[in-house]
């Protein structure tokens, strides 16, 4: 894990997620859904879907963005103060 995830509830965890690109990609963003349970403000707590209105990169999608950009931004989002200390579901639980 990157150093900015140290001292967070996410340190040392592995998360599974799915990025789905439909026929409109890259003009429109892929859908992003966590398979692993995670507690973050941009993730729907019942479905695991990353909600575009709550995740700036998807809300302001540009065709130049890549899937790597999405993953990098999610990792950064885990480290922001309002997400980094949220109590997390037990590791190994899934949506």
PDB file of N, CA and C in Angstrom:
ATOM      1  N   UNK A   1       0.845  -1.181   0.000  1.00  0.00           N
ATOM      2  CA  UNK A   1       0.000   0.000   0.000  1.00  0.00           C
ATOM      3  C   UNK A   1       0.891   1.246   0.000  1.00  0.00           C
ATOM      4  N   UNK A   2       0.385   2.262  -0.598  1.00  0.00           N
ATOM      5  CA  UNK A   2       1.119   3.522  -0.638  1.00  0.00           C
ATOM      6  C   UNK A   2       1.212   4.109   0.767  1.00  0.00           C
ATOM      7  N   UNK A   3       2.199   4.918   0.976  1.00  0.00           N
ATOM      8  CA  UNK A   3       2.428   5.462   2.306  1.00  0.00           C
ATOM      9  C   UNK A   3       1.270   6.306   2.808  1.00  0.00           C
ATOM     10  N   UNK A   4       0.507   6.940   1.903  1.00  0.00           N
ATOM     11  CA  UNK A   4      -0.594   7.786   2.383  1.00  0.00           C
ATOM     12  C   UNK A   4      -1.762   6.969   2.921  1.00  0.00           C
ATOM     13  N   UNK A   5      -1.739   5.643   2.779  1.00  0.00           N
ATOM     14  CA  UNK A   5      -2.774   4.811   3.392  1.00  0.00           C
ATOM     15  C   UNK A   5      -2.348   4.305   4.765  1.00  0.00           C
ATOM     16  N   UNK A   6      -1.104   4.552   5.131  1.00  0.00           N
ATOM     17  CA  UNK A   6      -0.664   4.158   6.463  1.00  0.00           C
ATOM     18  C   UNK A   6      -1.462   4.950   7.488  1.00  0.00           C
ATOM     19  N   UNK A   7      -1.670   4.338   8.630  1.00  0.00           N
ATOM     20  CA  UNK A   7      -2.428   4.985   9.701  1.00  0.00           C
ATOM     21  C   UNK A   7      -3.896   5.185   9.337  1.00  0.00           C
ATOM     22  N   UNK A   8      -4.431   4.364   8.453  1.00  0.00           N
ATOM     23  CA  UNK A   8      -5.848   4.413   8.127  1.00  0.00           C
ATOM     24  C   UNK A   8      -6.452   3.042   8.391  1.00  0.00           C
ATOM     25  N   UNK A   9      -7.764   2.982   8.406  1.00  0.00           N
ATOM     26  CA  UNK A   9      -8.453   1.707   8.597  1.00  0.00           C
ATOM     27  C   UNK A   9      -8.278   0.797   7.380  1.00  0.00           C
ATOM     28  N   UNK A  10      -7.780   1.332   6.276  1.00  0.00           N
ATOM     29  CA  UNK A  10      -7.617   0.556   5.048  1.00  0.00           C
ATOM     30  C   UNK A  10      -6.244  -0.090   4.925  1.00  0.00           C
ATOM     31  N   UNK A  11      -5.325   0.272   5.802  1.00  0.00           N
ATOM     32  CA  UNK A  11      -3.955  -0.215   5.719  1.00  0.00           C
ATOM     33  C   UNK A  11      -3.917  -1.740   5.745  1.00  0.00           C
ATOM     34  N   UNK A  12      -3.242  -2.322   4.753  1.00  0.00           N
ATOM     35  CA  UNK A  12      -3.054  -3.764   4.696  1.00  0.00           C
ATOM     36  C   UNK A  12      -4.233  -4.548   4.147  1.00  0.00           C
ATOM     37  N   UNK A  13      -5.332  -3.891   3.836  1.00  0.00           N
ATOM     38  CA  UNK A  13      -6.506  -4.598   3.302  1.00  0.00           C
ATOM     39  C   UNK A  13      -6.427  -4.689   1.783  1.00  0.00           C
ATOM     40  N   UNK A  14      -7.058  -5.732   1.259  1.00  0.00           N
ATOM     41  CA  UNK A  14      -7.193  -5.894  -0.183  1.00  0.00           C
ATOM     42  C   UNK A  14      -8.672  -5.830  -0.502  1.00  0.00           C
ATOM     43  N   UNK A  15      -9.033  -4.979  -1.446  1.00  0.00           N
ATOM     44  CA  UNK A  15     -10.429  -4.811  -1.840  1.00  0.00           C
ATOM     45  C   UNK A  15     -10.629  -5.312  -3.265  1.00  0.00           C
ATOM     46  N   UNK A  16     -11.764  -5.969  -3.486  1.00  0.00           N
ATOM     47  CA  UNK A  16     -12.128  -6.407  -4.825  1.00  0.00           C
ATOM     48  C   UNK A  16     -13.189  -5.459  -5.356  1.00  0.00           C
ATOM     49  N   UNK A  17     -13.011  -5.023  -6.597  1.00  0.00           N
ATOM     50  CA  UNK A  17     -14.008  -4.185  -7.220  1.00  0.00           C
ATOM     51  C   UNK A  17     -14.060  -4.471  -8.702  1.00  0.00           C
ATOM     52  N   UNK A  18     -15.128  -4.024  -9.325  1.00  0.00           N
ATOM     53  CA  UNK A  18     -15.357  -4.276 -10.744  1.00  0.00           C
ATOM     54  C   UNK A  18     -15.579  -2.941 -11.447  1.00  0.00           C
ATOM     55  N   UNK A  19     -14.862  -2.753 -12.535  1.00  0.00           N
ATOM     56  CA  UNK A  19     -15.081  -1.604 -13.405  1.00  0.00           C
ATOM     57  C   UNK A  19     -15.696  -2.150 -14.683  1.00  0.00           C
ATOM     58  N   UNK A  20     -16.861  -1.654 -15.033  1.00  0.00           N
ATOM     59  CA  UNK A  20     -17.555  -2.145 -16.215  1.00  0.00           C
ATOM     60  C   UNK A  20     -17.655  -1.030 -17.245  1.00  0.00           C
ATOM     61  N   UNK A  21     -17.090  -1.291 -18.419  1.00  0.00           N
ATOM     62  CA  UNK A  21     -17.116  -0.317 -19.509  1.00  0.00           C
ATOM     63  C   UNK A  21     -18.131  -0.784 -20.548  1.00  0.00           C
ATOM     64  N   UNK A  22     -19.148   0.027 -20.778  1.00  0.00           N
ATOM     65  CA  UNK A  22     -20.118  -0.343 -21.803  1.00  0.00           C
ATOM     66  C   UNK A  22     -19.715   0.269 -23.148  1.00  0.00           C
ATOM     67  N   UNK A  23     -20.590   0.212 -24.123  1.00  0.00           N
ATOM     68  CA  UNK A  23     -20.267   0.658 -25.486  1.00  0.00           C
ATOM     69  C   UNK A  23     -19.935   2.144 -25.569  1.00  0.00           C
ATOM     70  N   UNK A  24     -20.344   2.935 -24.573  1.00  0.00           N
ATOM     71  CA  UNK A  24     -20.087   4.373 -24.596  1.00  0.00           C
ATOM     72  C   UNK A  24     -18.729   4.773 -24.016  1.00  0.00           C
ATOM     73  N   UNK A  25     -18.003   3.814 -23.442  1.00  0.00           N
ATOM     74  CA  UNK A  25     -16.666   4.098 -22.908  1.00  0.00           C
ATOM     75  C   UNK A  25     -15.723   4.327 -24.081  1.00  0.00           C
ATOM     76  N   UNK A  26     -14.858   5.313 -24.092  1.00  0.00           N
ATOM     77  CA  UNK A  26     -14.475   6.206 -23.006  1.00  0.00           C
ATOM     78  C   UNK A  26     -15.224   7.542 -22.979  1.00  0.00           C
ATOM     79  N   UNK A  27     -16.219   7.693 -23.820  1.00  0.00           N
ATOM     80  CA  UNK A  27     -16.974   8.947 -23.793  1.00  0.00           C
ATOM     81  C   UNK A  27     -17.709   9.127 -22.467  1.00  0.00           C
ATOM     82  N   UNK A  28     -18.178   8.023 -21.900  1.00  0.00           N
ATOM     83  CA  UNK A  28     -18.854   8.040 -20.605  1.00  0.00           C
ATOM     84  C   UNK A  28     -18.073   7.145 -19.656  1.00  0.00           C
ATOM     85  N   UNK A  29     -18.118   7.434 -18.365  1.00  0.00           N
ATOM     86  CA  UNK A  29     -17.301   6.660 -17.415  1.00  0.00           C
ATOM     87  C   UNK A  29     -17.808   5.229 -17.256  1.00  0.00           C
ATOM     88  N   UNK A  30     -16.908   4.341 -16.836  1.00  0.00           N
ATOM     89  CA  UNK A  30     -17.360   2.995 -16.499  1.00  0.00           C
ATOM     90  C   UNK A  30     -18.155   3.029 -15.202  1.00  0.00           C
ATOM     91  N   UNK A  31     -18.909   1.973 -14.963  1.00  0.00           N
ATOM     92  CA  UNK A  31     -19.526   1.845 -13.644  1.00  0.00           C
ATOM     93  C   UNK A  31     -18.504   1.161 -12.745  1.00  0.00           C
ATOM     94  N   UNK A  32     -18.492   1.563 -11.497  1.00  0.00           N
ATOM     95  CA  UNK A  32     -17.520   1.036 -10.540  1.00  0.00           C
ATOM     96  C   UNK A  32     -18.296   0.479  -9.356  1.00  0.00           C
ATOM     97  N   UNK A  33     -17.994  -0.767  -8.995  1.00  0.00           N
ATOM     98  CA  UNK A  33     -18.709  -1.419  -7.898  1.00  0.00           C
ATOM     99  C   UNK A  33     -17.726  -2.252  -7.089  1.00  0.00           C
ATOM    100  N   UNK A  34     -17.724  -2.018  -5.792  1.00  0.00           N
ATOM    101  CA  UNK A  34     -16.922  -2.841  -4.889  1.00  0.00           C
ATOM    102  C   UNK A  34     -17.621  -4.167  -4.670  1.00  0.00           C
ATOM    103  N   UNK A  35     -16.850  -5.248  -4.718  1.00  0.00           N
ATOM    104  CA  UNK A  35     -17.353  -6.564  -4.336  1.00  0.00           C
ATOM    105  C   UNK A  35     -17.101  -6.745  -2.837  1.00  0.00           C
ATOM    106  N   UNK A  36     -15.934  -6.319  -2.396  1.00  0.00           N
ATOM    107  CA  UNK A  36     -15.608  -6.340  -0.965  1.00  0.00           C
ATOM    108  C   UNK A  36     -16.414  -5.253  -0.263  1.00  0.00           C
ATOM    109  N   UNK A  37     -16.897  -5.555   0.912  1.00  0.00           N
ATOM    110  CA  UNK A  37     -17.598  -4.526   1.687  1.00  0.00           C
ATOM    111  C   UNK A  37     -16.597  -3.474   2.123  1.00  0.00           C
ATOM    112  N   UNK A  38     -17.003  -2.212   1.978  1.00  0.00           N
ATOM    113  CA  UNK A  38     -16.160  -1.087   2.368  1.00  0.00           C
ATOM    114  C   UNK A  38     -17.073   0.048   2.808  1.00  0.00           C
ATOM    115  N   UNK A  39     -16.623   0.798   3.767  1.00  0.00           N
ATOM    116  CA  UNK A  39     -17.380   1.944   4.252  1.00  0.00           C
ATOM    117  C   UNK A  39     -16.650   3.208   3.809  1.00  0.00           C
ATOM    118  N   UNK A  40     -17.192   3.846   2.758  1.00  0.00           N
ATOM    119  CA  UNK A  40     -16.666   5.113   2.252  1.00  0.00           C
ATOM    120  C   UNK A  40     -17.860   5.972   1.876  1.00  0.00           C
ATOM    121  N   UNK A  41     -17.691   7.276   1.967  1.00  0.00           N
ATOM    122  CA  UNK A  41     -18.818   8.184   1.702  1.00  0.00           C
ATOM    123  C   UNK A  41     -19.301   8.139   0.263  1.00  0.00           C
ATOM    124  N   UNK A  42     -18.470   7.726  -0.680  1.00  0.00           N
ATOM    125  CA  UNK A  42     -18.872   7.695  -2.089  1.00  0.00           C
ATOM    126  C   UNK A  42     -19.412   6.336  -2.524  1.00  0.00           C
ATOM    127  N   UNK A  43     -19.448   5.367  -1.609  1.00  0.00           N
ATOM    128  CA  UNK A  43     -19.884   4.011  -1.943  1.00  0.00           C
ATOM    129  C   UNK A  43     -21.246   3.740  -1.316  1.00  0.00           C
ATOM    130  N   UNK A  44     -22.190   3.254  -2.131  1.00  0.00           N
ATOM    131  CA  UNK A  44     -23.508   2.878  -1.633  1.00  0.00           C
ATOM    132  C   UNK A  44     -23.342   1.721  -0.657  1.00  0.00           C
ATOM    133  N   UNK A  45     -23.850   1.879   0.553  1.00  0.00           N
ATOM    134  CA  UNK A  45     -23.623   0.897   1.621  1.00  0.00           C
ATOM    135  C   UNK A  45     -24.397  -0.399   1.415  1.00  0.00           C
ATOM    136  N   UNK A  46     -25.370  -0.407   0.515  1.00  0.00           N
ATOM    137  CA  UNK A  46     -26.152  -1.623   0.282  1.00  0.00           C
ATOM    138  C   UNK A  46     -25.708  -2.386  -0.959  1.00  0.00           C
ATOM    139  N   UNK A  47     -25.190  -1.659  -1.963  1.00  0.00           N
ATOM    140  CA  UNK A  47     -24.851  -2.301  -3.235  1.00  0.00           C
ATOM    141  C   UNK A  47     -23.354  -2.340  -3.539  1.00  0.00           C
ATOM    142  N   UNK A  48     -22.575  -1.464  -2.929  1.00  0.00           N
ATOM    143  CA  UNK A  48     -21.148  -1.378  -3.229  1.00  0.00           C
ATOM    144  C   UNK A  48     -20.830  -0.505  -4.429  1.00  0.00           C
ATOM    145  N   UNK A  49     -21.847   0.102  -5.035  1.00  0.00           N
ATOM    146  CA  UNK A  49     -21.640   0.946  -6.216  1.00  0.00           C
ATOM    147  C   UNK A  49     -21.007   2.277  -5.801  1.00  0.00           C
ATOM    148  N   UNK A  50     -19.968   2.677  -6.537  1.00  0.00           N
ATOM    149  CA  UNK A  50     -19.384   4.006  -6.339  1.00  0.00           C
ATOM    150  C   UNK A  50     -20.333   4.985  -7.022  1.00  0.00           C
ATOM    151  N   UNK A  51     -20.889   5.890  -6.232  1.00  0.00           N
ATOM    152  CA  UNK A  51     -21.900   6.813  -6.736  1.00  0.00           C
ATOM    153  C   UNK A  51     -21.227   8.004  -7.410  1.00  0.00           C
ATOM    154  N   UNK A  52     -21.430   8.150  -8.728  1.00  0.00           N
ATOM    155  CA  UNK A  52     -20.752   9.221  -9.465  1.00  0.00           C
ATOM    156  C   UNK A  52     -20.947  10.607  -8.871  1.00  0.00           C
ATOM    157  N   UNK A  53     -22.143  10.905  -8.354  1.00  0.00           N
ATOM    158  CA  UNK A  53     -22.377  12.242  -7.794  1.00  0.00           C
ATOM    159  C   UNK A  53     -21.531  12.501  -6.553  1.00  0.00           C
ATOM    160  N   UNK A  54     -21.049  11.445  -5.923  1.00  0.00           N
ATOM    161  CA  UNK A  54     -20.242  11.586  -4.711  1.00  0.00           C
ATOM    162  C   UNK A  54     -18.757  11.316  -4.961  1.00  0.00           C
ATOM    163  N   UNK A  55     -18.406  11.032  -6.199  1.00  0.00           N
ATOM    164  CA  UNK A  55     -17.012  10.726  -6.561  1.00  0.00           C
ATOM    165  C   UNK A  55     -16.657  11.572  -7.774  1.00  0.00           C
ATOM    166  N   UNK A  56     -15.930  12.649  -7.517  1.00  0.00           N
ATOM    167  CA  UNK A  56     -15.664  13.675  -8.508  1.00  0.00           C
ATOM    168  C   UNK A  56     -15.145  13.199  -9.851  1.00  0.00           C
ATOM    169  N   UNK A  57     -14.262  12.223  -9.855  1.00  0.00           N
ATOM    170  CA  UNK A  57     -13.689  11.773 -11.116  1.00  0.00           C
ATOM    171  C   UNK A  57     -14.771  11.229 -12.051  1.00  0.00           C
ATOM    172  N   UNK A  58     -15.728  10.489 -11.509  1.00  0.00           N
ATOM    173  CA  UNK A  58     -16.816   9.964 -12.342  1.00  0.00           C
ATOM    174  C   UNK A  58     -17.822  11.061 -12.680  1.00  0.00           C
ATOM    175  N   UNK A  59     -18.072  11.945 -11.725  1.00  0.00           N
ATOM    176  CA  UNK A  59     -19.034  13.031 -11.953  1.00  0.00           C
ATOM    177  C   UNK A  59     -18.553  13.993 -13.033  1.00  0.00           C
ATOM    178  N   UNK A  60     -17.243  14.193 -13.096  1.00  0.00           N
ATOM    179  CA  UNK A  60     -16.654  15.133 -14.059  1.00  0.00           C
ATOM    180  C   UNK A  60     -15.795  14.395 -15.084  1.00  0.00           C
ATOM    181  N   UNK A  61     -16.291  13.264 -15.544  1.00  0.00           N
ATOM    182  CA  UNK A  61     -15.543  12.379 -16.426  1.00  0.00           C
ATOM    183  C   UNK A  61     -15.081  13.087 -17.699  1.00  0.00           C
ATOM    184  N   UNK A  62     -13.829  12.784 -18.081  1.00  0.00           N
ATOM    185  CA  UNK A  62     -13.269  13.238 -19.355  1.00  0.00           C
ATOM    186  C   UNK A  62     -12.724  12.016 -20.074  1.00  0.00           C
ATOM    187  N   UNK A  63     -12.872  11.995 -21.363  1.00  0.00           N
ATOM    188  CA  UNK A  63     -12.497  10.797 -22.118  1.00  0.00           C
ATOM    189  C   UNK A  63     -11.017  10.433 -21.958  1.00  0.00           C
ATOM    190  N   UNK A  64     -10.187  11.378 -21.548  1.00  0.00           N
ATOM    191  CA  UNK A  64      -8.759  11.111 -21.354  1.00  0.00           C
ATOM    192  C   UNK A  64      -8.488  10.309 -20.075  1.00  0.00           C
ATOM    193  N   UNK A  65      -9.446  10.269 -19.172  1.00  0.00           N
ATOM    194  CA  UNK A  65      -9.251   9.528 -17.929  1.00  0.00           C
ATOM    195  C   UNK A  65      -9.179   8.035 -18.218  1.00  0.00           C
ATOM    196  N   UNK A  66      -8.447   7.342 -17.365  1.00  0.00           N
ATOM    197  CA  UNK A  66      -8.261   5.903 -17.537  1.00  0.00           C
ATOM    198  C   UNK A  66      -8.778   5.157 -16.312  1.00  0.00           C
ATOM    199  N   UNK A  67      -8.834   3.848 -16.434  1.00  0.00           N
ATOM    200  CA  UNK A  67      -9.218   3.029 -15.281  1.00  0.00           C
ATOM    201  C   UNK A  67      -8.189   3.165 -14.161  1.00  0.00           C
ATOM    202  N   UNK A  68      -6.938   3.336 -14.542  1.00  0.00           N
ATOM    203  CA  UNK A  68      -5.900   3.565 -13.537  1.00  0.00           C
ATOM    204  C   UNK A  68      -6.179   4.850 -12.754  1.00  0.00           C
ATOM    205  N   UNK A  69      -6.648   5.890 -13.441  1.00  0.00           N
ATOM    206  CA  UNK A  69      -6.994   7.141 -12.765  1.00  0.00           C
ATOM    207  C   UNK A  69      -8.091   6.904 -11.729  1.00  0.00           C
ATOM    208  N   UNK A  70      -9.076   6.082 -12.084  1.00  0.00           N
ATOM    209  CA  UNK A  70     -10.162   5.775 -11.149  1.00  0.00           C
ATOM    210  C   UNK A  70      -9.612   5.091  -9.914  1.00  0.00           C
ATOM    211  N   UNK A  71      -8.775   4.075 -10.111  1.00  0.00           N
ATOM    212  CA  UNK A  71      -8.215   3.333  -8.970  1.00  0.00           C
ATOM    213  C   UNK A  71      -7.340   4.231  -8.103  1.00  0.00           C
ATOM    214  N   UNK A  72      -6.544   5.070  -8.742  1.00  0.00           N
ATOM    215  CA  UNK A  72      -5.683   5.998  -7.995  1.00  0.00           C
ATOM    216  C   UNK A  72      -6.527   6.962  -7.167  1.00  0.00           C
ATOM    217  N   UNK A  73      -7.594   7.484  -7.760  1.00  0.00           N
ATOM    218  CA  UNK A  73      -8.446   8.431  -7.034  1.00  0.00           C
ATOM    219  C   UNK A  73      -9.193   7.740  -5.894  1.00  0.00           C
ATOM    220  N   UNK A  74      -9.624   6.504  -6.091  1.00  0.00           N
ATOM    221  CA  UNK A  74     -10.272   5.762  -4.998  1.00  0.00           C
ATOM    222  C   UNK A  74      -9.304   5.568  -3.829  1.00  0.00           C
ATOM    223  N   UNK A  75      -8.064   5.262  -4.159  1.00  0.00           N
ATOM    224  CA  UNK A  75      -7.053   5.078  -3.120  1.00  0.00           C
ATOM    225  C   UNK A  75      -6.841   6.378  -2.349  1.00  0.00           C
ATOM    226  N   UNK A  76      -6.795   7.500  -3.067  1.00  0.00           N
ATOM    227  CA  UNK A  76      -6.658   8.803  -2.407  1.00  0.00           C
ATOM    228  C   UNK A  76      -7.880   9.101  -1.548  1.00  0.00           C
ATOM    229  N   UNK A  77      -9.064   8.735  -2.050  1.00  0.00           N
ATOM    230  CA  UNK A  77     -10.305   8.976  -1.310  1.00  0.00           C
ATOM    231  C   UNK A  77     -10.319   8.209   0.010  1.00  0.00           C
ATOM    232  N   UNK A  78      -9.699   7.040   0.029  1.00  0.00           N
ATOM    233  CA  UNK A  78      -9.615   6.256   1.268  1.00  0.00           C
ATOM    234  C   UNK A  78      -8.821   6.997   2.343  1.00  0.00           C
ATOM    235  N   UNK A  79      -7.898   7.848   1.907  1.00  0.00           N
ATOM    236  CA  UNK A  79      -7.000   8.516   2.843  1.00  0.00           C
ATOM    237  C   UNK A  79      -7.493   9.876   3.322  1.00  0.00           C
ATOM    238  N   UNK A  80      -8.582  10.396   2.745  1.00  0.00           N
ATOM    239  CA  UNK A  80      -9.064  11.698   3.202  1.00  0.00           C
ATOM    240  C   UNK A  80      -9.660  11.560   4.605  1.00  0.00           C
ATOM    241  N   UNK A  81      -9.601  12.626   5.390  1.00  0.00           N
ATOM    242  CA  UNK A  81     -10.021  12.528   6.802  1.00  0.00           C
ATOM    243  C   UNK A  81     -11.399  11.921   7.034  1.00  0.00           C
ATOM    244  N   UNK A  82     -12.400  12.264   6.205  1.00  0.00           N
ATOM    245  CA  UNK A  82     -13.747  11.751   6.477  1.00  0.00           C
ATOM    246  C   UNK A  82     -13.895  10.267   6.132  1.00  0.00           C
ATOM    247  N   UNK A  83     -12.947   9.669   5.428  1.00  0.00           N
ATOM    248  CA  UNK A  83     -13.012   8.233   5.125  1.00  0.00           C
ATOM    249  C   UNK A  83     -11.988   7.400   5.878  1.00  0.00           C
ATOM    250  N   UNK A  84     -10.875   8.003   6.230  1.00  0.00           N
ATOM    251  CA  UNK A  84      -9.764   7.194   6.721  1.00  0.00           C
ATOM    252  C   UNK A  84     -10.003   6.557   8.088  1.00  0.00           C
ATOM    253  N   UNK A  85     -10.930   7.077   8.854  1.00  0.00           N
ATOM    254  CA  UNK A  85     -11.155   6.528  10.188  1.00  0.00           C
ATOM    255  C   UNK A  85     -12.516   5.839  10.333  1.00  0.00           C
ATOM    256  N   UNK A  86     -13.289   5.750   9.238  1.00  0.00           N
ATOM    257  CA  UNK A  86     -14.590   5.094   9.313  1.00  0.00           C
ATOM    258  C   UNK A  86     -14.435   3.619   9.691  1.00  0.00           C
ATOM    259  N   UNK A  87     -15.290   3.154  10.564  1.00  0.00           N
ATOM    260  CA  UNK A  87     -15.274   1.742  10.942  1.00  0.00           C
ATOM    261  C   UNK A  87     -15.594   0.919   9.698  1.00  0.00           C
ATOM    262  N   UNK A  88     -14.804  -0.119   9.474  1.00  0.00           N
ATOM    263  CA  UNK A  88     -14.956  -0.950   8.286  1.00  0.00           C
ATOM    264  C   UNK A  88     -15.612  -2.289   8.630  1.00  0.00           C
ATOM    265  N   UNK A  89     -16.358  -2.836   7.668  1.00  0.00           N
ATOM    266  CA  UNK A  89     -16.909  -4.180   7.866  1.00  0.00           C
ATOM    267  C   UNK A  89     -15.770  -5.184   8.037  1.00  0.00           C
ATOM    268  N   UNK A  90     -16.052  -6.342   8.605  1.00  0.00           N
ATOM    269  CA  UNK A  90     -14.983  -7.341   8.751  1.00  0.00           C
ATOM    270  C   UNK A  90     -14.374  -7.687   7.390  1.00  0.00           C
ATOM    271  N   UNK A  91     -13.070  -7.872   7.392  1.00  0.00           N
ATOM    272  CA  UNK A  91     -12.380  -8.236   6.155  1.00  0.00           C
ATOM    273  C   UNK A  91     -12.927  -9.580   5.664  1.00  0.00           C
ATOM    274  N   UNK A  92     -13.061  -9.717   4.349  1.00  0.00           N
ATOM    275  CA  UNK A  92     -13.577 -10.962   3.779  1.00  0.00           C
ATOM    276  C   UNK A  92     -15.090 -10.999   3.658  1.00  0.00           C
ATOM    277  N   UNK A  93     -15.780  -9.857   3.905  1.00  0.00           N
ATOM    278  CA  UNK A  93     -17.224  -9.808   3.697  1.00  0.00           C
ATOM    279  C   UNK A  93     -17.501  -9.097   2.382  1.00  0.00           C
ATOM    280  N   UNK A  94     -18.610  -9.474   1.752  1.00  0.00           N
ATOM    281  CA  UNK A  94     -18.897  -9.001   0.397  1.00  0.00           C
ATOM    282  C   UNK A  94     -20.314  -8.493   0.260  1.00  0.00           C
ATOM    283  N   UNK A  95     -20.502  -7.647  -0.761  1.00  0.00           N
ATOM    284  CA  UNK A  95     -21.846  -7.143  -1.086  1.00  0.00           C
ATOM    285  C   UNK A  95     -22.605  -8.244  -1.802  1.00  0.00           C
TER     286      UNK A  95
END
